[in-house]
Amino acid sequence: MKKDIEIPEVESVYMAAVKGFNEDLGADVWNMYIINNRSATIDMILVVSRGEFNTQKTSVMRRSIEKMEPNSYAKVEFLTEALISFKNEFLVTFFEGNKMYETVYTFDSDSIDEMNETEIPVMGLKGILRP
């Protein structure tokens, strides 16, 4: 039954946007990372991302990561300047042991801005963090 399904609250797993130069595009982009700041390995990570602005929508992107060791991070995708004005959502699902965790990280329109940067745990860089 639905009432028997327990999905615990996600702690110490974050999404972060960190600005960096993309050589293929020859421009600065915001790289999106998932960060495992837990003391345990997480596995079967699935990140589903989408963006919207008024009536415009991005494609739904899916990325799977087999496992992430404690205190590690992985690049998920990048956002060009054109997508910064969009509301960008990242639905993250993962397992730790036999428990499934799920949460949504939201970067509101124009919230990805250098003025909003803070220190990013594990990475030691400045960026935009969503706990």
N, C-alpha and C. Protein backbone atom coordinates (compact mmCIF):
# COMPACT_ATOMS: atom_id res chain seq x y z
N MET A 1 0.82 -1.18 0.00
CA MET A 1 0.00 0.00 0.00
C MET A 1 0.88 1.26 0.00
N LYS A 2 0.31 2.35 -0.50
CA LYS A 2 1.04 3.61 -0.55
C LYS A 2 1.53 4.03 0.83
N LYS A 3 0.71 3.82 1.85
CA LYS A 3 1.07 4.28 3.19
C LYS A 3 2.28 3.53 3.74
N ASP A 4 2.60 2.39 3.15
CA ASP A 4 3.73 1.59 3.60
C ASP A 4 5.05 2.00 2.96
N ILE A 5 5.00 2.85 1.94
CA ILE A 5 6.21 3.28 1.26
C ILE A 5 6.81 4.44 2.03
N GLU A 6 8.06 4.25 2.44
CA GLU A 6 8.76 5.30 3.19
C GLU A 6 9.89 5.83 2.32
N ILE A 7 9.86 7.14 2.07
CA ILE A 7 10.96 7.79 1.36
C ILE A 7 11.53 8.84 2.31
N PRO A 8 12.68 8.55 2.93
CA PRO A 8 13.24 9.46 3.93
C PRO A 8 13.68 10.79 3.33
N GLU A 9 13.80 11.79 4.19
CA GLU A 9 14.25 13.12 3.77
C GLU A 9 15.72 13.06 3.37
N VAL A 10 16.04 13.76 2.30
CA VAL A 10 17.42 13.78 1.79
C VAL A 10 18.23 14.80 2.58
N GLU A 11 19.37 14.35 3.09
CA GLU A 11 20.31 15.24 3.78
C GLU A 11 21.70 15.02 3.20
N SER A 12 22.46 16.08 3.13
CA SER A 12 23.87 16.04 2.72
C SER A 12 24.10 15.58 1.28
N VAL A 13 23.09 15.73 0.44
CA VAL A 13 23.25 15.57 -1.01
C VAL A 13 22.72 16.87 -1.60
N TYR A 14 23.54 17.50 -2.45
CA TYR A 14 23.22 18.83 -2.96
C TYR A 14 23.35 18.89 -4.47
N MET A 15 22.76 19.93 -5.03
CA MET A 15 23.02 20.30 -6.43
C MET A 15 23.71 21.66 -6.37
N ALA A 16 24.67 21.85 -7.25
CA ALA A 16 25.39 23.12 -7.30
C ALA A 16 25.63 23.54 -8.74
N ALA A 17 25.61 24.85 -8.95
CA ALA A 17 25.95 25.44 -10.24
C ALA A 17 27.28 26.16 -10.06
N VAL A 18 28.27 25.79 -10.86
CA VAL A 18 29.60 26.39 -10.78
C VAL A 18 29.98 26.88 -12.17
N LYS A 19 30.36 28.15 -12.25
CA LYS A 19 30.69 28.75 -13.54
C LYS A 19 32.08 28.31 -13.99
N GLY A 20 32.17 27.96 -15.28
CA GLY A 20 33.45 27.55 -15.83
C GLY A 20 33.46 27.74 -17.34
N PHE A 21 34.65 27.72 -17.91
CA PHE A 21 34.81 27.90 -19.34
C PHE A 21 34.62 26.58 -20.07
N ASN A 22 33.78 26.57 -21.10
CA ASN A 22 33.55 25.40 -21.93
C ASN A 22 34.31 25.60 -23.24
N GLU A 23 35.35 24.79 -23.45
CA GLU A 23 36.19 24.95 -24.63
C GLU A 23 35.44 24.67 -25.93
N ASP A 24 34.52 23.72 -25.91
CA ASP A 24 33.77 23.40 -27.13
C ASP A 24 32.91 24.57 -27.58
N LEU A 25 32.31 25.28 -26.61
CA LEU A 25 31.46 26.43 -26.95
C LEU A 25 32.25 27.73 -27.01
N GLY A 26 33.43 27.74 -26.41
CA GLY A 26 34.23 28.96 -26.36
C GLY A 26 33.59 30.04 -25.52
N ALA A 27 32.90 29.61 -24.46
CA ALA A 27 32.18 30.57 -23.61
C ALA A 27 32.06 30.02 -22.20
N ASP A 28 31.77 30.93 -21.26
CA ASP A 28 31.49 30.52 -19.89
C ASP A 28 30.11 29.90 -19.82
N VAL A 29 29.99 28.83 -19.06
CA VAL A 29 28.70 28.17 -18.82
C VAL A 29 28.62 27.86 -17.33
N TRP A 30 27.43 27.54 -16.89
CA TRP A 30 27.23 27.09 -15.51
C TRP A 30 27.14 25.57 -15.53
N ASN A 31 28.14 24.93 -14.96
CA ASN A 31 28.16 23.47 -14.85
C ASN A 31 27.36 23.05 -13.64
N MET A 32 26.49 22.07 -13.81
CA MET A 32 25.65 21.57 -12.74
C MET A 32 26.25 20.29 -12.17
N TYR A 33 26.40 20.26 -10.86
CA TYR A 33 27.01 19.12 -10.18
C TYR A 33 26.08 18.56 -9.12
N ILE A 34 26.14 17.26 -8.91
CA ILE A 34 25.53 16.64 -7.75
C ILE A 34 26.66 16.35 -6.77
N ILE A 35 26.41 16.61 -5.50
CA ILE A 35 27.44 16.48 -4.47
C ILE A 35 26.95 15.50 -3.41
N ASN A 36 27.75 14.49 -3.13
CA ASN A 36 27.47 13.56 -2.04
C ASN A 36 28.35 13.94 -0.86
N ASN A 37 27.78 14.66 0.09
CA ASN A 37 28.51 15.08 1.29
C ASN A 37 28.17 14.17 2.47
N ARG A 38 27.68 12.99 2.18
CA ARG A 38 27.34 12.00 3.20
C ARG A 38 28.58 11.20 3.57
N SER A 39 28.46 10.43 4.63
CA SER A 39 29.57 9.56 5.04
C SER A 39 29.43 8.16 4.44
N ALA A 40 28.44 7.98 3.57
CA ALA A 40 28.20 6.68 2.94
C ALA A 40 28.14 6.82 1.43
N THR A 41 28.40 5.73 0.74
CA THR A 41 28.28 5.67 -0.71
C THR A 41 26.81 5.67 -1.09
N ILE A 42 26.47 6.39 -2.13
CA ILE A 42 25.12 6.33 -2.69
C ILE A 42 25.23 5.72 -4.08
N ASP A 43 24.17 5.03 -4.49
CA ASP A 43 24.25 4.40 -5.81
C ASP A 43 22.92 4.46 -6.54
N MET A 44 22.98 4.02 -7.80
CA MET A 44 21.82 4.06 -8.70
C MET A 44 21.20 5.47 -8.72
N ILE A 45 22.05 6.47 -8.90
CA ILE A 45 21.60 7.86 -8.89
C ILE A 45 20.99 8.18 -10.25
N LEU A 46 19.81 8.78 -10.22
CA LEU A 46 19.15 9.22 -11.44
C LEU A 46 18.81 10.69 -11.27
N VAL A 47 19.26 11.51 -12.23
CA VAL A 47 18.98 12.94 -12.22
C VAL A 47 18.16 13.26 -13.47
N VAL A 48 16.96 13.79 -13.25
CA VAL A 48 16.08 14.20 -14.35
C VAL A 48 15.98 15.72 -14.28
N SER A 49 16.35 16.40 -15.35
CA SER A 49 16.34 17.87 -15.32
C SER A 49 15.41 18.42 -16.39
N ARG A 50 14.86 19.56 -16.07
CA ARG A 50 13.98 20.25 -17.02
C ARG A 50 13.97 21.73 -16.66
N GLY A 51 13.64 22.54 -17.65
CA GLY A 51 13.57 23.98 -17.42
C GLY A 51 12.36 24.56 -18.11
N GLU A 52 11.88 25.68 -17.55
CA GLU A 52 10.75 26.37 -18.19
C GLU A 52 10.82 27.86 -17.90
N PHE A 53 10.35 28.61 -18.87
CA PHE A 53 10.27 30.06 -18.77
C PHE A 53 9.07 30.51 -19.58
N ASN A 54 8.07 31.05 -18.88
CA ASN A 54 6.80 31.39 -19.53
C ASN A 54 6.26 30.16 -20.26
N THR A 55 6.13 30.22 -21.57
CA THR A 55 5.59 29.08 -22.32
C THR A 55 6.70 28.21 -22.92
N GLN A 56 7.95 28.62 -22.76
CA GLN A 56 9.07 27.85 -23.30
C GLN A 56 9.48 26.76 -22.32
N LYS A 57 9.85 25.60 -22.86
CA LYS A 57 10.32 24.49 -22.04
C LYS A 57 11.55 23.88 -22.69
N THR A 58 12.44 23.37 -21.85
CA THR A 58 13.60 22.66 -22.36
C THR A 58 13.23 21.19 -22.55
N SER A 59 14.09 20.47 -23.20
CA SER A 59 13.95 19.02 -23.26
C SER A 59 14.16 18.46 -21.86
N VAL A 60 13.56 17.34 -21.58
CA VAL A 60 13.81 16.65 -20.32
C VAL A 60 15.07 15.83 -20.50
N MET A 61 16.04 16.05 -19.63
CA MET A 61 17.32 15.34 -19.71
C MET A 61 17.40 14.35 -18.56
N ARG A 62 17.95 13.17 -18.85
CA ARG A 62 18.13 12.16 -17.81
C ARG A 62 19.59 11.75 -17.78
N ARG A 63 20.09 11.61 -16.56
CA ARG A 63 21.48 11.20 -16.39
C ARG A 63 21.54 10.21 -15.25
N SER A 64 22.20 9.10 -15.47
CA SER A 64 22.37 8.13 -14.39
C SER A 64 23.84 8.06 -14.01
N ILE A 65 24.05 7.85 -12.75
CA ILE A 65 25.40 7.70 -12.20
C ILE A 65 25.37 6.42 -11.38
N GLU A 66 26.28 5.51 -11.67
CA GLU A 66 26.25 4.21 -11.00
C GLU A 66 26.42 4.34 -9.49
N LYS A 67 27.47 5.04 -9.05
CA LYS A 67 27.64 5.25 -7.62
C LYS A 67 28.54 6.45 -7.35
N MET A 68 28.38 7.00 -6.17
CA MET A 68 29.22 8.12 -5.73
C MET A 68 29.74 7.81 -4.34
N GLU A 69 31.04 7.87 -4.21
CA GLU A 69 31.67 7.64 -2.91
C GLU A 69 31.34 8.79 -1.96
N PRO A 70 31.55 8.61 -0.66
CA PRO A 70 31.34 9.71 0.29
C PRO A 70 32.21 10.91 -0.09
N ASN A 71 31.71 12.10 0.16
CA ASN A 71 32.44 13.35 -0.08
C ASN A 71 32.98 13.44 -1.50
N SER A 72 32.09 13.22 -2.46
CA SER A 72 32.48 13.30 -3.87
C SER A 72 31.43 14.10 -4.63
N TYR A 73 31.75 14.40 -5.88
CA TYR A 73 30.80 15.13 -6.74
C TYR A 73 30.94 14.63 -8.17
N ALA A 74 29.88 14.88 -8.95
CA ALA A 74 29.87 14.47 -10.36
C ALA A 74 29.16 15.53 -11.18
N LYS A 75 29.70 15.82 -12.34
CA LYS A 75 29.08 16.77 -13.25
C LYS A 75 27.87 16.12 -13.90
N VAL A 76 26.76 16.87 -13.92
CA VAL A 76 25.52 16.35 -14.48
C VAL A 76 25.29 16.91 -15.88
N GLU A 77 25.40 18.22 -16.04
CA GLU A 77 25.19 18.88 -17.33
C GLU A 77 25.67 20.31 -17.22
N PHE A 78 25.48 21.10 -18.27
CA PHE A 78 25.79 22.52 -18.19
C PHE A 78 24.62 23.33 -18.71
N LEU A 79 24.54 24.57 -18.22
CA LEU A 79 23.50 25.50 -18.67
C LEU A 79 24.17 26.67 -19.36
N THR A 80 23.71 26.98 -20.56
CA THR A 80 24.22 28.15 -21.26
C THR A 80 23.53 29.40 -20.70
N GLU A 81 24.03 30.55 -21.08
CA GLU A 81 23.45 31.82 -20.61
C GLU A 81 21.97 31.93 -20.97
N ALA A 82 21.57 31.34 -22.09
CA ALA A 82 20.17 31.42 -22.52
C ALA A 82 19.24 30.70 -21.55
N LEU A 83 19.75 29.71 -20.82
CA LEU A 83 18.91 28.92 -19.91
C LEU A 83 18.92 29.44 -18.47
N ILE A 84 19.74 30.43 -18.18
CA ILE A 84 19.82 30.96 -16.82
C ILE A 84 18.52 31.66 -16.42
N SER A 85 17.82 32.24 -17.38
CA SER A 85 16.56 32.92 -17.06
C SER A 85 15.42 31.92 -16.84
N PHE A 86 15.65 30.66 -17.13
CA PHE A 86 14.64 29.62 -16.93
C PHE A 86 14.61 29.18 -15.47
N LYS A 87 13.49 28.67 -15.03
CA LYS A 87 13.41 27.94 -13.77
C LYS A 87 13.89 26.54 -14.09
N ASN A 88 14.97 26.10 -13.45
CA ASN A 88 15.57 24.80 -13.72
C ASN A 88 15.36 23.88 -12.53
N GLU A 89 14.79 22.70 -12.78
CA GLU A 89 14.52 21.73 -11.73
C GLU A 89 15.31 20.45 -11.98
N PHE A 90 15.78 19.85 -10.89
CA PHE A 90 16.54 18.61 -10.94
C PHE A 90 15.91 17.64 -9.96
N LEU A 91 15.27 16.61 -10.49
CA LEU A 91 14.70 15.56 -9.66
C LEU A 91 15.78 14.50 -9.48
N VAL A 92 16.15 14.26 -8.23
CA VAL A 92 17.24 13.33 -7.92
C VAL A 92 16.70 12.16 -7.11
N THR A 93 16.99 10.96 -7.57
CA THR A 93 16.63 9.73 -6.88
C THR A 93 17.90 8.91 -6.72
N PHE A 94 18.08 8.33 -5.52
CA PHE A 94 19.25 7.47 -5.30
C PHE A 94 18.97 6.49 -4.17
N PHE A 95 19.85 5.52 -4.04
CA PHE A 95 19.77 4.54 -2.97
C PHE A 95 20.99 4.67 -2.08
N GLU A 96 20.76 4.51 -0.79
CA GLU A 96 21.84 4.30 0.17
C GLU A 96 21.46 3.03 0.91
N GLY A 97 22.24 1.98 0.70
CA GLY A 97 21.84 0.67 1.23
C GLY A 97 20.56 0.24 0.55
N ASN A 98 19.57 -0.13 1.33
CA ASN A 98 18.29 -0.58 0.77
C ASN A 98 17.22 0.49 0.79
N LYS A 99 17.58 1.72 1.13
CA LYS A 99 16.59 2.80 1.19
C LYS A 99 16.70 3.69 -0.04
N MET A 100 15.53 4.04 -0.56
CA MET A 100 15.47 4.95 -1.70
C MET A 100 15.21 6.36 -1.19
N TYR A 101 15.93 7.32 -1.78
CA TYR A 101 15.76 8.74 -1.44
C TYR A 101 15.37 9.48 -2.71
N GLU A 102 14.58 10.54 -2.54
CA GLU A 102 14.16 11.34 -3.69
C GLU A 102 13.92 12.77 -3.25
N THR A 103 14.36 13.71 -4.08
CA THR A 103 14.13 15.12 -3.79
C THR A 103 14.20 15.91 -5.09
N VAL A 104 13.72 17.15 -5.03
CA VAL A 104 13.78 18.06 -6.17
C VAL A 104 14.58 19.30 -5.76
N TYR A 105 15.55 19.66 -6.57
CA TYR A 105 16.32 20.89 -6.36
C TYR A 105 15.87 21.88 -7.42
N THR A 106 15.48 23.09 -6.99
CA THR A 106 14.97 24.09 -7.91
C THR A 106 15.87 25.32 -7.91
N PHE A 107 16.25 25.73 -9.09
CA PHE A 107 16.97 26.99 -9.28
C PHE A 107 15.98 27.91 -9.98
N ASP A 108 15.42 28.86 -9.23
CA ASP A 108 14.43 29.78 -9.79
C ASP A 108 15.03 30.64 -10.89
N SER A 109 14.17 31.23 -11.70
CA SER A 109 14.61 32.09 -12.80
C SER A 109 15.60 33.13 -12.29
N ASP A 110 16.70 33.27 -12.99
CA ASP A 110 17.75 34.25 -12.71
C ASP A 110 18.40 34.09 -11.34
N SER A 111 18.21 32.96 -10.65
CA SER A 111 18.89 32.76 -9.35
C SER A 111 20.33 32.30 -9.54
N ILE A 112 20.65 31.79 -10.72
CA ILE A 112 22.03 31.39 -11.00
C ILE A 112 22.76 32.63 -11.48
N ASP A 113 23.42 33.27 -10.52
CA ASP A 113 24.08 34.55 -10.75
C ASP A 113 25.29 34.63 -9.83
N GLU A 114 26.37 35.18 -10.33
CA GLU A 114 27.60 35.28 -9.52
C GLU A 114 27.37 36.02 -8.21
N MET A 115 26.38 36.91 -8.16
CA MET A 115 26.09 37.64 -6.93
C MET A 115 25.56 36.71 -5.84
N ASN A 116 25.06 35.55 -6.19
CA ASN A 116 24.50 34.59 -5.24
C ASN A 116 25.46 33.47 -4.87
N GLU A 117 26.71 33.59 -5.28
CA GLU A 117 27.67 32.51 -5.03
C GLU A 117 28.01 32.38 -3.54
N THR A 118 28.27 31.14 -3.17
CA THR A 118 28.69 30.80 -1.83
C THR A 118 29.71 29.66 -1.93
N GLU A 119 30.36 29.33 -0.84
CA GLU A 119 31.33 28.23 -0.83
C GLU A 119 30.58 26.90 -0.99
N ILE A 120 31.06 26.06 -1.91
CA ILE A 120 30.42 24.77 -2.18
C ILE A 120 31.17 23.69 -1.41
N PRO A 121 30.45 22.93 -0.55
CA PRO A 121 31.12 21.86 0.20
C PRO A 121 31.69 20.80 -0.74
N VAL A 122 32.72 20.14 -0.30
CA VAL A 122 33.42 19.07 -1.00
C VAL A 122 34.24 19.61 -2.17
N MET A 123 33.69 20.51 -2.96
CA MET A 123 34.37 21.01 -4.15
C MET A 123 35.43 22.06 -3.85
N GLY A 124 35.21 22.86 -2.81
CA GLY A 124 36.15 23.93 -2.50
C GLY A 124 36.11 25.06 -3.51
N LEU A 125 34.97 25.24 -4.17
CA LEU A 125 34.79 26.30 -5.16
C LEU A 125 33.60 27.15 -4.78
N LYS A 126 33.46 28.29 -5.45
CA LYS A 126 32.29 29.13 -5.25
C LYS A 126 31.26 28.81 -6.32
N GLY A 127 29.99 28.87 -5.94
CA GLY A 127 28.91 28.60 -6.87
C GLY A 127 27.58 28.80 -6.18
N ILE A 128 26.53 28.33 -6.82
CA ILE A 128 25.17 28.43 -6.31
C ILE A 128 24.80 27.05 -5.78
N LEU A 129 24.40 26.98 -4.51
CA LEU A 129 24.15 25.70 -3.85
C LEU A 129 22.66 25.54 -3.53
N ARG A 130 22.15 24.33 -3.75
CA ARG A 130 20.80 23.96 -3.35
C ARG A 130 20.89 22.74 -2.44
N PRO A 131 20.69 22.95 -1.12
CA PRO A 131 20.73 21.80 -0.19
C PRO A 131 19.43 21.01 -0.22
